[in-house]
N, C-alpha and C. Protein backbone atom coordinates (compact mmCIF):
# COMPACT_ATOMS: atom_id res chain seq x y z
N MET A 1 15.63 10.72 0.38
CA MET A 1 14.73 9.58 0.44
C MET A 1 15.39 8.22 -0.42
N THR A 2 15.36 7.02 0.06
CA THR A 2 16.00 6.06 -0.36
C THR A 2 15.15 5.36 -1.59
N ASP A 3 15.63 5.20 -2.76
CA ASP A 3 14.96 4.49 -3.65
C ASP A 3 15.00 2.89 -3.32
N ASN A 4 13.86 2.31 -3.08
CA ASN A 4 13.83 0.98 -2.73
C ASN A 4 13.40 0.01 -3.86
N THR A 5 13.36 0.58 -5.08
CA THR A 5 12.97 -0.17 -6.25
C THR A 5 14.12 -1.26 -6.42
N THR A 6 13.68 -2.36 -6.95
CA THR A 6 14.73 -3.44 -7.31
C THR A 6 14.28 -3.95 -8.49
N ASP A 7 15.01 -4.70 -9.25
CA ASP A 7 14.79 -5.40 -10.49
C ASP A 7 14.62 -6.94 -10.21
N ASN A 8 13.16 -7.20 -9.91
CA ASN A 8 13.02 -8.47 -9.45
C ASN A 8 12.76 -9.44 -10.89
N THR A 9 13.81 -10.03 -11.14
CA THR A 9 13.78 -10.81 -12.31
C THR A 9 13.37 -12.28 -12.19
N SER A 10 13.46 -12.59 -10.73
CA SER A 10 13.18 -14.15 -10.49
C SER A 10 11.71 -14.47 -10.56
N GLY A 11 10.79 -13.52 -10.71
CA GLY A 11 9.47 -13.80 -10.62
C GLY A 11 8.99 -14.20 -9.34
N GLN A 12 9.60 -14.14 -8.25
CA GLN A 12 9.19 -14.42 -6.98
C GLN A 12 8.44 -13.20 -6.42
N PRO A 13 7.36 -13.39 -5.64
CA PRO A 13 6.69 -12.18 -5.03
C PRO A 13 7.34 -11.49 -4.20
N VAL A 14 7.34 -10.10 -4.39
CA VAL A 14 8.21 -9.19 -3.33
C VAL A 14 7.37 -8.91 -2.11
N TYR A 15 6.18 -8.79 -2.11
CA TYR A 15 5.27 -8.41 -1.15
C TYR A 15 4.62 -9.62 -0.58
N PRO A 16 4.25 -9.60 0.61
CA PRO A 16 4.39 -8.52 1.76
C PRO A 16 5.79 -8.21 2.10
N LEU A 17 6.23 -7.23 2.42
CA LEU A 17 7.47 -6.79 3.05
C LEU A 17 7.54 -7.03 4.48
N PRO A 18 8.67 -7.15 5.18
CA PRO A 18 8.68 -7.12 6.63
C PRO A 18 8.23 -5.90 7.14
N PRO A 19 7.60 -6.09 8.32
CA PRO A 19 6.81 -4.85 8.91
C PRO A 19 7.99 -4.09 9.18
N PRO A 20 7.80 -2.57 8.98
CA PRO A 20 8.92 -1.66 9.32
C PRO A 20 9.10 -1.45 10.85
N ALA A 21 10.17 -1.06 11.13
CA ALA A 21 10.59 -1.08 12.61
C ALA A 21 9.76 0.02 13.38
N GLY A 22 9.46 1.09 12.69
CA GLY A 22 8.72 2.34 13.01
C GLY A 22 7.60 2.57 12.00
N THR A 23 7.16 3.72 11.70
CA THR A 23 6.44 4.12 10.65
C THR A 23 7.14 4.22 9.48
N ASP A 24 6.53 3.83 8.50
CA ASP A 24 7.23 3.85 7.06
C ASP A 24 6.67 5.33 6.36
N PRO A 25 7.65 6.09 6.24
CA PRO A 25 7.29 7.48 5.45
C PRO A 25 6.69 7.51 4.09
N ARG A 26 6.67 6.14 3.46
CA ARG A 26 6.19 6.09 2.21
C ARG A 26 4.88 5.81 2.27
N PHE A 27 4.33 5.50 3.38
CA PHE A 27 2.93 4.93 3.52
C PHE A 27 2.05 6.10 4.02
N THR A 28 1.56 7.10 3.21
CA THR A 28 0.74 8.38 3.55
C THR A 28 -0.38 8.35 2.89
N TYR A 29 -1.21 9.42 3.28
CA TYR A 29 -2.42 9.79 2.63
C TYR A 29 -2.11 10.04 1.22
N GLY A 30 -1.22 10.60 0.81
CA GLY A 30 -0.72 10.85 -0.70
C GLY A 30 -0.87 9.53 -1.27
N LEU A 31 -0.15 8.50 -0.91
CA LEU A 31 -0.16 7.22 -1.45
C LEU A 31 -1.54 6.68 -1.74
N LEU A 32 -2.44 6.87 -0.62
CA LEU A 32 -3.87 6.62 -0.55
C LEU A 32 -4.59 7.48 -1.83
N PHE A 33 -4.36 8.50 -1.73
CA PHE A 33 -5.09 9.37 -2.77
C PHE A 33 -4.47 8.97 -4.16
N ASP A 34 -3.41 8.70 -4.33
CA ASP A 34 -2.89 8.35 -5.65
C ASP A 34 -3.56 7.15 -6.25
N ILE A 35 -3.72 6.27 -5.13
CA ILE A 35 -4.33 4.76 -5.48
C ILE A 35 -5.80 4.88 -5.98
N THR A 36 -6.26 5.79 -5.16
CA THR A 36 -7.71 6.08 -5.40
C THR A 36 -7.96 6.63 -6.71
N ASP A 37 -7.21 7.63 -6.92
CA ASP A 37 -7.30 8.34 -8.37
C ASP A 37 -7.20 7.26 -9.44
N ALA A 38 -6.20 6.28 -9.19
CA ALA A 38 -6.13 5.20 -10.07
C ALA A 38 -7.18 4.36 -10.38
N LEU A 39 -7.82 4.02 -9.27
CA LEU A 39 -9.18 3.20 -9.17
C LEU A 39 -10.24 3.94 -10.12
N ILE A 40 -10.34 5.38 -9.71
CA ILE A 40 -11.42 6.04 -10.19
C ILE A 40 -11.03 6.17 -11.85
N ARG A 41 -10.02 6.56 -12.17
CA ARG A 41 -9.55 6.47 -13.70
C ARG A 41 -10.15 5.25 -14.30
N ASN A 42 -10.18 4.07 -13.50
CA ASN A 42 -10.38 2.96 -14.21
C ASN A 42 -11.83 2.40 -13.99
N GLY A 43 -12.70 3.35 -13.58
CA GLY A 43 -14.03 3.05 -13.53
C GLY A 43 -14.73 2.82 -12.18
N PHE A 44 -13.92 2.70 -11.07
CA PHE A 44 -14.26 2.37 -9.82
C PHE A 44 -14.91 3.73 -9.16
N PRO A 45 -15.85 3.56 -8.31
CA PRO A 45 -16.42 4.70 -7.78
C PRO A 45 -15.40 5.40 -6.65
N ARG A 46 -15.65 6.63 -6.37
CA ARG A 46 -14.78 7.27 -5.35
C ARG A 46 -15.26 6.70 -4.00
N PRO A 47 -14.16 6.38 -3.15
CA PRO A 47 -14.47 5.93 -1.81
C PRO A 47 -15.24 6.91 -1.11
N ALA A 48 -16.09 6.46 -0.06
CA ALA A 48 -16.89 7.38 0.88
C ALA A 48 -16.97 6.68 2.19
N GLY A 49 -17.23 7.57 3.30
CA GLY A 49 -17.41 6.97 4.61
C GLY A 49 -16.19 6.09 4.91
N THR A 50 -16.31 5.07 5.50
CA THR A 50 -15.37 4.08 5.96
C THR A 50 -14.53 3.35 4.87
N ASP A 51 -14.77 3.56 3.65
CA ASP A 51 -14.12 3.06 2.58
C ASP A 51 -12.77 3.47 2.63
N TRP A 52 -12.56 4.67 2.94
CA TRP A 52 -11.10 5.27 3.14
C TRP A 52 -10.35 4.30 4.17
N ALA A 53 -10.74 4.10 5.44
CA ALA A 53 -10.14 3.33 6.36
C ALA A 53 -9.97 1.88 5.86
N ASP A 54 -11.02 1.32 5.23
CA ASP A 54 -10.72 -0.02 4.60
C ASP A 54 -9.73 -0.29 3.68
N LEU A 55 -9.68 0.87 2.74
CA LEU A 55 -8.67 0.80 1.69
C LEU A 55 -7.23 1.06 2.29
N MET A 56 -7.07 1.82 3.34
CA MET A 56 -5.94 1.98 4.01
C MET A 56 -5.44 0.59 4.66
N LEU A 57 -6.18 -0.08 5.21
CA LEU A 57 -6.07 -1.37 5.86
C LEU A 57 -5.68 -2.31 4.84
N ALA A 58 -6.34 -2.45 3.74
CA ALA A 58 -6.11 -3.17 2.62
C ALA A 58 -4.61 -2.95 1.99
N LEU A 59 -4.36 -1.71 1.78
CA LEU A 59 -3.00 -1.56 1.17
C LEU A 59 -1.87 -2.02 2.46
N HIS A 60 -2.18 -1.85 3.68
CA HIS A 60 -1.29 -2.10 4.68
C HIS A 60 -1.15 -3.61 4.74
N ARG A 61 -2.11 -4.40 4.63
CA ARG A 61 -2.03 -5.89 4.57
C ARG A 61 -1.42 -6.40 3.38
N PHE A 62 -1.51 -5.80 2.17
CA PHE A 62 -0.88 -6.15 1.14
C PHE A 62 0.58 -5.85 1.14
N GLY A 63 0.88 -4.57 1.78
CA GLY A 63 2.27 -4.31 1.70
C GLY A 63 3.28 -4.69 2.73
N TYR A 64 2.72 -5.14 4.01
CA TYR A 64 3.51 -5.47 5.11
C TYR A 64 3.07 -7.03 5.57
N LYS A 65 4.01 -7.78 6.05
CA LYS A 65 3.66 -9.07 6.79
C LYS A 65 3.18 -8.62 8.08
N GLU A 66 2.17 -9.40 8.38
CA GLU A 66 1.45 -9.19 9.68
C GLU A 66 2.49 -9.56 10.94
N THR A 67 2.31 -8.77 12.06
CA THR A 67 3.21 -9.14 13.07
C THR A 67 2.25 -9.89 14.13
N THR A 68 2.91 -10.88 14.81
CA THR A 68 2.16 -11.60 15.83
C THR A 68 2.44 -10.99 17.09
N PRO A 69 1.36 -10.95 17.99
CA PRO A 69 1.34 -10.21 19.37
C PRO A 69 2.20 -10.98 20.23
């Protein structure tokens, strides 16, 4: 697996990234669960129902530039 971390010393935003050509193997349910665990540790309630889909969509919108049809 490629390490895509960089030392961003310019202070410029890194996100959103260009959309991946296909699926991004880093964007997984494991990532979603890790972020959920961090939210819970910081006092947020556990997602329920459609919260999971909403959180996945929010992560995708944060991580990748929108593509225009």
